[in-house]
Amino acid sequence: MVESEKRAPRQKYKRRKVEPMPATVQTAVDRGRAFQHWLDSNDYFMSDFVKDSGISRAALSAYVSGELDIASMRQDTAERLLRTMGLSDTEAWQFFNIPEEKRATFRTFRPILGHGDEMKQVLEFPLKVPLQGVTTVPVGHMIRVNPARQLTGLVVTETQNGELYALPAEMAQGRGRILGQLVAAFYKQPDEA
């Protein structure tokens, strides 16, 4: 093989840096950092979130930076955000620490879990083994999986020996039984144990 014909080595999958979750969520900047943490933890790129939610990149960037406050979103924007994140209104109020006076507009008109008929298929269960891979969740915490979606985002795969892995869908093929797309992970607080 001629020197000029040598191919560059393939780049291995590299997990990106995860923005830490703020210790407390009180301000627009804190809510933006919490949203960035969610994006990073779910291996969701801004460009994909723009496509999936229909919220403009400029608006999402303003929310992430704290220039705009997530708590002050219009109702239709909040609905698109929560639908894409896979959170119920109550979960989002808690995650973003939405003040009581803002909850009248930061809400959706979806059924209890939201997302219409698709969410009726979502499974929520406590982990009896840890979730490993791109996103990790310890034993005893909860995950929510959508079995109707197995080809995009992070999917949960169960190996023959019962281990669970969260992997990008394209990497999960052939590694075990795909349970579905990882929609959310819920961590118990120490005082809830």
Protein backbone atom coordinates (compact mmCIF):
# COMPACT_ATOMS: atom_id res chain seq x y z
CA MET A 1 0.00 0.00 0.00
CA VAL A 2 1.36 3.40 -0.98
CA GLU A 3 1.90 5.90 1.86
CA SER A 4 -0.79 8.24 0.47
CA GLU A 5 -3.33 5.38 0.45
CA LYS A 6 -3.07 4.70 4.18
CA ARG A 7 -6.30 5.42 5.97
CA ALA A 8 -6.55 7.41 9.15
CA PRO A 9 -7.29 5.21 12.17
CA ARG A 10 -10.98 5.04 13.02
CA GLN A 11 -11.99 7.18 15.92
CA LYS A 12 -13.39 5.21 18.84
CA TYR A 13 -16.66 6.21 20.44
CA LYS A 14 -15.81 8.77 23.08
CA ARG A 15 -18.29 9.87 25.70
CA ARG A 16 -18.54 13.60 25.95
CA LYS A 17 -18.05 15.58 29.13
CA VAL A 18 -21.20 15.73 31.25
CA GLU A 19 -22.18 19.12 32.66
CA PRO A 20 -22.59 18.61 36.43
CA MET A 21 -26.07 19.01 37.87
CA PRO A 22 -26.26 22.20 39.94
CA ALA A 23 -26.33 21.54 43.71
CA THR A 24 -29.50 23.64 43.89
CA VAL A 25 -31.70 24.86 41.07
CA GLN A 26 -32.96 28.36 41.83
CA THR A 27 -32.16 30.65 38.89
CA ALA A 28 -32.45 30.74 35.11
CA VAL A 29 -28.74 29.85 34.88
CA ASP A 30 -29.25 26.85 37.22
CA ARG A 31 -32.20 25.62 35.14
CA GLY A 32 -30.10 25.98 31.99
CA ARG A 33 -27.26 23.99 33.57
CA ALA A 34 -29.76 21.33 34.68
CA PHE A 35 -31.07 21.07 31.11
CA GLN A 36 -27.50 20.81 29.75
CA HIS A 37 -26.84 18.09 32.34
CA TRP A 38 -29.92 16.21 31.09
CA LEU A 39 -28.76 16.55 27.45
CA ASP A 40 -25.24 15.31 28.30
CA SER A 41 -26.41 12.49 30.56
CA ASN A 42 -28.79 11.25 27.87
CA ASP A 43 -26.16 11.66 25.13
CA TYR A 44 -28.55 14.01 23.34
CA PHE A 45 -26.92 16.56 21.06
CA MET A 46 -28.52 19.99 20.74
CA SER A 47 -29.04 19.50 16.98
CA ASP A 48 -30.99 16.27 17.62
CA PHE A 49 -33.07 17.94 20.34
CA VAL A 50 -33.89 20.78 17.92
CA LYS A 51 -35.12 18.24 15.33
CA ASP A 52 -37.08 16.14 17.84
CA SER A 53 -38.68 19.04 19.73
CA GLY A 54 -39.20 21.64 17.04
CA ILE A 55 -37.75 24.29 19.38
CA SER A 56 -35.25 26.54 17.58
CA ARG A 57 -31.55 26.16 18.28
CA ALA A 58 -31.35 29.87 19.21
CA ALA A 59 -34.11 29.47 21.82
CA LEU A 60 -32.58 26.28 23.28
CA SER A 61 -29.17 27.96 23.48
CA ALA A 62 -30.74 30.93 25.30
CA TYR A 63 -32.39 28.54 27.80
CA VAL A 64 -29.15 26.59 28.35
CA SER A 65 -27.16 29.79 28.96
CA GLY A 66 -29.81 31.18 31.32
CA GLU A 67 -30.44 34.18 29.06
CA LEU A 68 -34.05 32.93 28.96
CA ASP A 69 -35.58 31.18 31.97
CA ILE A 70 -37.00 27.72 31.35
CA ALA A 71 -39.56 28.49 34.09
CA SER A 72 -40.93 31.33 31.92
CA MET A 73 -41.44 29.23 28.76
CA ARG A 74 -44.69 29.58 26.89
CA GLN A 75 -47.03 26.64 27.38
CA ASP A 76 -46.58 25.27 23.83
CA THR A 77 -42.77 25.42 24.15
CA ALA A 78 -42.88 23.71 27.55
CA GLU A 79 -45.06 20.99 26.03
CA ARG A 80 -42.52 20.33 23.25
CA LEU A 81 -39.62 20.37 25.74
CA LEU A 82 -41.26 17.91 28.15
CA ARG A 83 -42.55 15.63 25.38
CA THR A 84 -39.02 15.33 23.99
CA MET A 85 -37.43 14.86 27.43
CA GLY A 86 -40.00 12.22 28.38
CA LEU A 87 -40.92 13.98 31.64
CA SER A 88 -44.33 14.49 33.17
CA ASP A 89 -45.23 17.99 34.30
CA THR A 90 -44.63 17.08 37.94
CA GLU A 91 -41.24 15.53 37.19
CA ALA A 92 -40.21 18.64 35.23
CA TRP A 93 -41.42 20.98 38.00
CA GLN A 94 -39.19 19.09 40.40
CA PHE A 95 -36.20 18.69 38.03
CA PHE A 96 -36.16 22.38 37.04
CA ASN A 97 -37.50 23.61 40.42
CA ILE A 98 -40.27 25.55 38.69
CA PRO A 99 -41.68 28.12 41.14
CA GLU A 100 -45.32 27.62 42.14
CA GLU A 101 -46.41 30.87 40.47
CA LYS A 102 -44.93 29.73 37.10
CA ARG A 103 -46.59 26.31 37.06
CA ALA A 104 -49.84 27.69 35.61
CA THR A 105 -48.07 28.23 32.28
CA PHE A 106 -45.22 25.70 32.58
CA ARG A 107 -47.49 22.72 32.09
CA THR A 108 -48.89 20.56 29.33
CA PHE A 109 -52.28 19.23 28.41
CA ARG A 110 -51.12 15.67 27.87
CA PRO A 111 -52.60 12.60 29.55
CA ILE A 112 -51.09 11.70 32.95
CA LEU A 113 -47.66 10.65 31.61
CA GLY A 114 -48.06 12.66 28.45
CA HIS A 115 -47.11 11.82 24.86
CA GLY A 116 -50.51 10.40 23.88
CA ASP A 117 -50.80 6.76 22.83
CA GLU A 118 -47.04 6.19 22.54
CA MET A 119 -46.52 6.74 26.28
CA LYS A 120 -49.08 4.05 27.13
CA GLN A 121 -46.37 1.58 26.06
CA VAL A 122 -43.64 3.04 28.29
CA LEU A 123 -42.34 0.70 30.98
CA GLU A 124 -41.07 1.96 34.32
CA PHE A 125 -39.25 -0.39 36.63
CA PRO A 126 -36.77 -0.47 39.51
CA LEU A 127 -33.32 -1.79 38.66
CA LYS A 128 -32.37 -5.12 40.20
CA VAL A 129 -28.99 -4.94 38.43
CA PRO A 130 -27.08 -1.73 37.63
CA LEU A 131 -27.52 -0.05 34.26
CA GLN A 132 -24.08 0.22 32.66
CA GLY A 133 -22.76 1.85 29.50
CA VAL A 134 -23.10 5.42 28.30
CA THR A 135 -25.48 6.25 31.16
CA THR A 136 -25.18 4.45 34.48
CA VAL A 137 -27.89 3.97 37.08
CA PRO A 138 -27.28 2.04 40.33
CA VAL A 139 -29.41 -0.80 41.65
CA GLY A 140 -32.65 0.30 43.34
CA HIS A 141 -33.27 3.36 41.19
CA MET A 142 -35.91 3.53 38.45
CA ILE A 143 -35.66 3.74 34.67
CA ARG A 144 -38.34 4.41 32.06
CA VAL A 145 -38.04 2.60 28.70
CA ASN A 146 -40.11 2.98 25.52
CA PRO A 147 -40.18 -0.43 23.76
CA ALA A 148 -41.80 1.17 20.68
CA ARG A 149 -38.54 3.05 19.99
CA GLN A 150 -35.50 0.88 19.49
CA LEU A 151 -33.66 2.51 16.59
CA THR A 152 -32.77 6.00 17.90
CA GLY A 153 -31.16 7.60 20.93
CA LEU A 154 -29.92 5.57 23.86
CA VAL A 155 -31.45 2.12 24.12
CA VAL A 156 -31.39 -0.34 26.99
CA THR A 157 -30.03 -3.76 26.07
CA GLU A 158 -30.23 -6.90 28.23
CA THR A 159 -27.45 -9.43 27.76
CA GLN A 160 -27.93 -13.20 28.05
CA ASN A 161 -26.55 -13.12 31.61
CA GLY A 162 -29.03 -10.39 32.66
CA GLU A 163 -26.76 -7.34 32.57
CA LEU A 164 -28.30 -4.06 31.38
CA TYR A 165 -26.49 -1.58 29.13
CA ALA A 166 -27.48 1.87 27.87
CA LEU A 167 -25.91 2.29 24.43
CA PRO A 168 -26.48 4.40 21.33
CA ALA A 169 -28.97 2.46 19.17
CA GLU A 170 -26.45 1.91 16.37
CA MET A 171 -24.01 0.26 18.82
CA ALA A 172 -26.64 -1.90 20.53
CA GLN A 173 -27.50 -4.12 17.56
CA GLY A 174 -26.41 -7.72 18.18
CA ARG A 175 -25.38 -7.13 21.81
CA GLY A 176 -28.48 -8.66 23.40
CA ARG A 177 -32.22 -8.09 23.61
CA ILE A 178 -33.12 -4.42 23.10
CA LEU A 179 -35.74 -3.44 25.69
CA GLY A 180 -36.36 -0.02 24.11
CA GLN A 181 -35.24 3.59 24.13
CA LEU A 182 -34.17 4.96 27.51
CA VAL A 183 -36.66 7.74 28.26
CA ALA A 184 -35.68 8.69 31.81
CA ALA A 185 -33.81 7.63 34.93
CA PHE A 186 -35.11 8.47 38.40
CA TYR A 187 -32.72 8.56 41.28
CA LYS A 188 -33.99 8.08 44.83
CA GLN A 189 -32.82 10.70 47.26
CA PRO A 190 -30.92 9.30 50.28
CA ASP A 191 -33.89 10.03 52.57
CA GLU A 192 -36.23 8.05 50.25
CA ALA A 193 -34.25 4.81 50.56
